[in-house]
Structure formats: structure tokens, C-alpha cells
Amino acid sequence: MQAIATHTLATALSCAVAATLAAQRETLDAAVAETHYRQALVLADALGRRPLQAHCHRGLGRLYATTGQQEQTRAELSAAMEMTFWLPQTETALAQVAGH
């Protein structure tokens, strides 16, 4: 059972890294980034890994801000703010969105 959880966590982390890389590419691939963040979020939820959940919500929020989806931006950043690990970084991102 532990091996499955370890494998699942590794997969979740890999998805989160792939999402972050896709979101930060010079030529943004928003669909790929969103898919990877969503996959990582599902796995993080299943594992109860709140810091990874917050990372994914924050990443989605920043991605949506980049693509002009303000409602989704606020929803994802608000979800991330509920998880205090990412609170300082998320507050900064939310303030940047509010300024646009």
C-alpha cells in the first residue's frame, strides 16, 4: 500500500512540475498546463497533500490570470489561500490580478 501511495505522490509531483513548465514556457500552452495541474490536483486531493493542492490552485490561478479568465483566477487563488502554506505567494498573485 505504501508503494502505491509513493508512486501516486511521485506522479502528482510530476504532473505539477509539467504544468508549471508548460505555464512558464515562452510560448504558453495553457491547455497542457491546465490538464497537468488538474491531474496533479486530483492526485493531491486523494492523498490529502494540502501543500500540493495549494500549489496547483495557485498555478491554475496564475494560468487563468495569464489567459484573462478573471472569475476562474479568483476562484483558484481563493482556494489556494485557504491552504496557508502558499498564503504569502497567493496574496501577492491575487493583488497583481486585482491591479489589472
N, C-alpha and C. Protein backbone atom coordinates (compact mmCIF):
# COMPACT_ATOMS: atom_id res chain seq x y z
N MET A 1 0.82 -1.20 0.00
CA MET A 1 0.00 0.00 0.00
C MET A 1 0.87 1.27 0.00
N GLN A 2 1.93 1.25 0.79
CA GLN A 2 2.85 2.39 0.84
C GLN A 2 3.49 2.65 -0.52
N ALA A 3 3.82 1.60 -1.23
CA ALA A 3 4.43 1.76 -2.56
C ALA A 3 3.47 2.43 -3.53
N ILE A 4 2.20 2.12 -3.43
CA ILE A 4 1.19 2.75 -4.29
C ILE A 4 1.08 4.24 -3.97
N ALA A 5 1.04 4.57 -2.68
CA ALA A 5 0.96 5.97 -2.28
C ALA A 5 2.19 6.74 -2.73
N THR A 6 3.36 6.13 -2.60
CA THR A 6 4.60 6.78 -3.03
C THR A 6 4.59 7.00 -4.54
N HIS A 7 4.15 5.99 -5.28
CA HIS A 7 4.07 6.11 -6.73
C HIS A 7 3.06 7.20 -7.12
N THR A 8 1.93 7.23 -6.44
CA THR A 8 0.90 8.22 -6.74
C THR A 8 1.40 9.63 -6.43
N LEU A 9 2.11 9.78 -5.32
CA LEU A 9 2.67 11.09 -4.98
C LEU A 9 3.70 11.51 -6.02
N ALA A 10 4.53 10.59 -6.45
CA ALA A 10 5.53 10.91 -7.48
C ALA A 10 4.84 11.33 -8.77
N THR A 11 3.76 10.66 -9.11
CA THR A 11 3.00 11.03 -10.31
C THR A 11 2.39 12.42 -10.16
N ALA A 12 1.82 12.69 -8.99
CA ALA A 12 1.23 14.01 -8.73
C ALA A 12 2.28 15.11 -8.84
N LEU A 13 3.44 14.87 -8.25
CA LEU A 13 4.51 15.86 -8.31
C LEU A 13 5.00 16.06 -9.75
N SER A 14 5.09 14.97 -10.49
CA SER A 14 5.50 15.07 -11.90
C SER A 14 4.50 15.88 -12.70
N CYS A 15 3.22 15.67 -12.46
CA CYS A 15 2.19 16.44 -13.15
C CYS A 15 2.29 17.93 -12.80
N ALA A 16 2.52 18.21 -11.52
CA ALA A 16 2.64 19.60 -11.10
C ALA A 16 3.84 20.28 -11.74
N VAL A 17 4.95 19.58 -11.81
CA VAL A 17 6.15 20.13 -12.45
C VAL A 17 5.90 20.34 -13.94
N ALA A 18 5.28 19.38 -14.60
CA ALA A 18 4.98 19.51 -16.03
C ALA A 18 4.05 20.70 -16.27
N ALA A 19 3.08 20.89 -15.38
CA ALA A 19 2.15 22.02 -15.51
C ALA A 19 2.88 23.34 -15.36
N THR A 20 3.74 23.41 -14.36
CA THR A 20 4.50 24.64 -14.12
C THR A 20 5.38 24.97 -15.31
N LEU A 21 6.03 23.97 -15.85
CA LEU A 21 6.89 24.19 -17.03
C LEU A 21 6.07 24.63 -18.24
N ALA A 22 4.93 24.00 -18.46
CA ALA A 22 4.08 24.38 -19.60
C ALA A 22 3.56 25.80 -19.44
N ALA A 23 3.26 26.19 -18.20
CA ALA A 23 2.73 27.53 -17.95
C ALA A 23 3.80 28.60 -18.08
N GLN A 24 5.07 28.23 -17.92
CA GLN A 24 6.14 29.21 -17.94
C GLN A 24 6.92 29.24 -19.26
N ARG A 25 6.50 28.42 -20.20
CA ARG A 25 7.18 28.40 -21.50
C ARG A 25 7.01 29.73 -22.21
N GLU A 26 7.96 30.04 -23.04
CA GLU A 26 7.89 31.27 -23.81
C GLU A 26 6.61 31.30 -24.65
N THR A 27 6.28 30.17 -25.25
CA THR A 27 5.01 30.04 -25.96
C THR A 27 4.08 29.22 -25.07
N LEU A 28 3.24 29.92 -24.34
CA LEU A 28 2.35 29.32 -23.35
C LEU A 28 1.46 28.26 -23.99
N ASP A 29 1.41 27.10 -23.36
CA ASP A 29 0.48 26.05 -23.76
C ASP A 29 -0.50 25.88 -22.61
N ALA A 30 -1.50 26.75 -22.57
CA ALA A 30 -2.43 26.81 -21.45
C ALA A 30 -3.21 25.51 -21.27
N ALA A 31 -3.60 24.89 -22.36
CA ALA A 31 -4.39 23.66 -22.25
C ALA A 31 -3.57 22.54 -21.61
N VAL A 32 -2.32 22.42 -22.00
CA VAL A 32 -1.45 21.40 -21.41
C VAL A 32 -1.20 21.69 -19.94
N ALA A 33 -0.92 22.95 -19.62
CA ALA A 33 -0.67 23.33 -18.23
C ALA A 33 -1.90 23.05 -17.38
N GLU A 34 -3.06 23.43 -17.87
CA GLU A 34 -4.29 23.21 -17.11
C GLU A 34 -4.54 21.72 -16.88
N THR A 35 -4.36 20.92 -17.92
CA THR A 35 -4.56 19.48 -17.79
C THR A 35 -3.64 18.89 -16.74
N HIS A 36 -2.37 19.27 -16.77
CA HIS A 36 -1.41 18.73 -15.79
C HIS A 36 -1.74 19.21 -14.37
N TYR A 37 -2.09 20.49 -14.23
CA TYR A 37 -2.47 20.97 -12.89
C TYR A 37 -3.69 20.21 -12.38
N ARG A 38 -4.67 19.99 -13.23
CA ARG A 38 -5.89 19.27 -12.82
C ARG A 38 -5.56 17.83 -12.42
N GLN A 39 -4.69 17.17 -13.20
CA GLN A 39 -4.30 15.80 -12.86
C GLN A 39 -3.57 15.77 -11.51
N ALA A 40 -2.66 16.70 -11.32
CA ALA A 40 -1.93 16.76 -10.05
C ALA A 40 -2.87 17.05 -8.89
N LEU A 41 -3.85 17.91 -9.13
CA LEU A 41 -4.81 18.28 -8.09
C LEU A 41 -5.67 17.08 -7.67
N VAL A 42 -6.12 16.30 -8.62
CA VAL A 42 -6.91 15.11 -8.30
C VAL A 42 -6.09 14.16 -7.43
N LEU A 43 -4.85 13.93 -7.81
CA LEU A 43 -3.99 13.02 -7.03
C LEU A 43 -3.66 13.61 -5.66
N ALA A 44 -3.38 14.89 -5.61
CA ALA A 44 -3.07 15.54 -4.33
C ALA A 44 -4.28 15.48 -3.39
N ASP A 45 -5.47 15.68 -3.95
CA ASP A 45 -6.69 15.57 -3.15
C ASP A 45 -6.83 14.16 -2.58
N ALA A 46 -6.61 13.17 -3.42
CA ALA A 46 -6.74 11.77 -2.99
C ALA A 46 -5.74 11.42 -1.90
N LEU A 47 -4.58 12.03 -1.96
CA LEU A 47 -3.52 11.75 -0.98
C LEU A 47 -3.60 12.67 0.24
N GLY A 48 -4.44 13.70 0.17
CA GLY A 48 -4.53 14.65 1.27
C GLY A 48 -3.31 15.53 1.40
N ARG A 49 -2.65 15.80 0.30
CA ARG A 49 -1.43 16.63 0.29
C ARG A 49 -1.79 18.09 0.07
N ARG A 50 -2.15 18.77 1.15
CA ARG A 50 -2.64 20.14 1.05
C ARG A 50 -1.62 21.12 0.45
N PRO A 51 -0.34 21.03 0.77
CA PRO A 51 0.59 21.96 0.12
C PRO A 51 0.60 21.78 -1.41
N LEU A 52 0.52 20.56 -1.87
CA LEU A 52 0.48 20.33 -3.32
C LEU A 52 -0.85 20.80 -3.90
N GLN A 53 -1.93 20.62 -3.17
CA GLN A 53 -3.23 21.14 -3.62
C GLN A 53 -3.15 22.66 -3.77
N ALA A 54 -2.58 23.31 -2.77
CA ALA A 54 -2.45 24.77 -2.81
C ALA A 54 -1.58 25.20 -3.98
N HIS A 55 -0.49 24.48 -4.20
CA HIS A 55 0.39 24.79 -5.33
C HIS A 55 -0.38 24.71 -6.65
N CYS A 56 -1.20 23.69 -6.79
CA CYS A 56 -1.96 23.50 -8.03
C CYS A 56 -3.02 24.60 -8.19
N HIS A 57 -3.72 24.92 -7.11
CA HIS A 57 -4.71 26.01 -7.19
C HIS A 57 -4.04 27.33 -7.53
N ARG A 58 -2.90 27.58 -6.91
CA ARG A 58 -2.16 28.82 -7.19
C ARG A 58 -1.69 28.84 -8.64
N GLY A 59 -1.16 27.71 -9.11
CA GLY A 59 -0.72 27.63 -10.51
C GLY A 59 -1.87 27.83 -11.48
N LEU A 60 -3.01 27.22 -11.19
CA LEU A 60 -4.18 27.42 -12.04
C LEU A 60 -4.62 28.88 -12.02
N GLY A 61 -4.60 29.48 -10.84
CA GLY A 61 -4.98 30.89 -10.74
C GLY A 61 -4.08 31.79 -11.56
N ARG A 62 -2.80 31.55 -11.49
CA ARG A 62 -1.85 32.35 -12.29
C ARG A 62 -2.03 32.09 -13.78
N LEU A 63 -2.28 30.83 -14.12
CA LEU A 63 -2.52 30.48 -15.52
C LEU A 63 -3.76 31.19 -16.05
N TYR A 64 -4.83 31.13 -15.28
CA TYR A 64 -6.07 31.79 -15.70
C TYR A 64 -5.88 33.31 -15.79
N ALA A 65 -5.07 33.87 -14.91
CA ALA A 65 -4.80 35.31 -14.98
C ALA A 65 -4.09 35.64 -16.29
N THR A 66 -3.16 34.79 -16.68
CA THR A 66 -2.41 35.00 -17.91
C THR A 66 -3.32 34.93 -19.14
N THR A 67 -4.35 34.08 -19.06
CA THR A 67 -5.24 33.90 -20.20
C THR A 67 -6.50 34.76 -20.10
N GLY A 68 -6.55 35.65 -19.09
CA GLY A 68 -7.65 36.61 -18.99
C GLY A 68 -8.94 36.06 -18.42
N GLN A 69 -8.89 34.97 -17.72
CA GLN A 69 -10.09 34.36 -17.14
C GLN A 69 -10.20 34.79 -15.67
N GLN A 70 -10.70 35.98 -15.46
CA GLN A 70 -10.67 36.60 -14.13
C GLN A 70 -11.49 35.84 -13.09
N GLU A 71 -12.67 35.36 -13.44
CA GLU A 71 -13.50 34.64 -12.47
C GLU A 71 -12.81 33.36 -12.00
N GLN A 72 -12.26 32.60 -12.96
CA GLN A 72 -11.54 31.38 -12.60
C GLN A 72 -10.28 31.71 -11.81
N THR A 73 -9.62 32.81 -12.16
CA THR A 73 -8.43 33.25 -11.44
C THR A 73 -8.74 33.43 -9.97
N ARG A 74 -9.77 34.20 -9.71
CA ARG A 74 -10.14 34.48 -8.31
C ARG A 74 -10.56 33.21 -7.57
N ALA A 75 -11.29 32.34 -8.24
CA ALA A 75 -11.73 31.09 -7.60
C ALA A 75 -10.54 30.22 -7.21
N GLU A 76 -9.59 30.07 -8.12
CA GLU A 76 -8.43 29.21 -7.84
C GLU A 76 -7.52 29.83 -6.78
N LEU A 77 -7.28 31.13 -6.88
CA LEU A 77 -6.42 31.78 -5.88
C LEU A 77 -7.08 31.79 -4.51
N SER A 78 -8.41 31.93 -4.48
CA SER A 78 -9.11 31.86 -3.20
C SER A 78 -8.99 30.47 -2.58
N ALA A 79 -9.09 29.44 -3.42
CA ALA A 79 -8.93 28.07 -2.93
C ALA A 79 -7.52 27.87 -2.37
N ALA A 80 -6.53 28.44 -3.05
CA ALA A 80 -5.14 28.32 -2.59
C ALA A 80 -4.95 29.05 -1.26
N MET A 81 -5.63 30.17 -1.09
CA MET A 81 -5.48 30.95 0.14
C MET A 81 -6.02 30.22 1.36
N GLU A 82 -6.94 29.29 1.15
CA GLU A 82 -7.46 28.51 2.26
C GLU A 82 -6.41 27.56 2.82
N MET A 83 -5.36 27.37 2.07
CA MET A 83 -4.27 26.48 2.47
C MET A 83 -3.06 27.35 2.79
N THR A 84 -2.83 27.60 4.04
CA THR A 84 -1.93 28.67 4.48
C THR A 84 -0.48 28.51 4.04
N PHE A 85 -0.06 27.34 3.61
CA PHE A 85 1.32 27.15 3.18
C PHE A 85 1.70 28.14 2.08
N TRP A 86 0.78 28.36 1.13
CA TRP A 86 1.04 29.23 -0.02
C TRP A 86 0.44 30.62 0.16
N LEU A 87 -0.01 30.95 1.35
CA LEU A 87 -0.72 32.21 1.56
C LEU A 87 0.07 33.44 1.12
N PRO A 88 1.33 33.63 1.53
CA PRO A 88 2.03 34.85 1.11
C PRO A 88 2.16 34.98 -0.41
N GLN A 89 2.52 33.89 -1.09
CA GLN A 89 2.67 33.94 -2.54
C GLN A 89 1.32 34.15 -3.23
N THR A 90 0.27 33.57 -2.67
CA THR A 90 -1.05 33.67 -3.26
C THR A 90 -1.62 35.07 -3.08
N GLU A 91 -1.40 35.67 -1.92
CA GLU A 91 -1.85 37.04 -1.69
C GLU A 91 -1.20 37.98 -2.70
N THR A 92 0.07 37.77 -2.97
CA THR A 92 0.77 38.60 -3.96
C THR A 92 0.16 38.43 -5.34
N ALA A 93 -0.09 37.17 -5.73
CA ALA A 93 -0.69 36.90 -7.05
C ALA A 93 -2.08 37.50 -7.15
N LEU A 94 -2.88 37.41 -6.08
CA LEU A 94 -4.23 37.96 -6.08
C LEU A 94 -4.19 39.49 -6.18
N ALA A 95 -3.24 40.11 -5.50
CA ALA A 95 -3.09 41.56 -5.59
C ALA A 95 -2.71 42.00 -7.00
N GLN A 96 -1.87 41.21 -7.67
CA GLN A 96 -1.49 41.53 -9.04
C GLN A 96 -2.69 41.42 -9.97
N VAL A 97 -3.54 40.43 -9.75
CA VAL A 97 -4.74 40.25 -10.57
C VAL A 97 -5.70 41.40 -10.34
N ALA A 98 -5.86 41.81 -9.10
CA ALA A 98 -6.78 42.90 -8.76
C ALA A 98 -6.32 44.22 -9.39
N GLY A 99 -5.02 44.35 -9.60
CA GLY A 99 -4.48 45.57 -10.19
C GLY A 99 -4.67 45.67 -11.69
N HIS A 100 -5.07 44.58 -12.33
CA HIS A 100 -5.23 44.58 -13.79
C HIS A 100 -6.62 44.94 -14.21
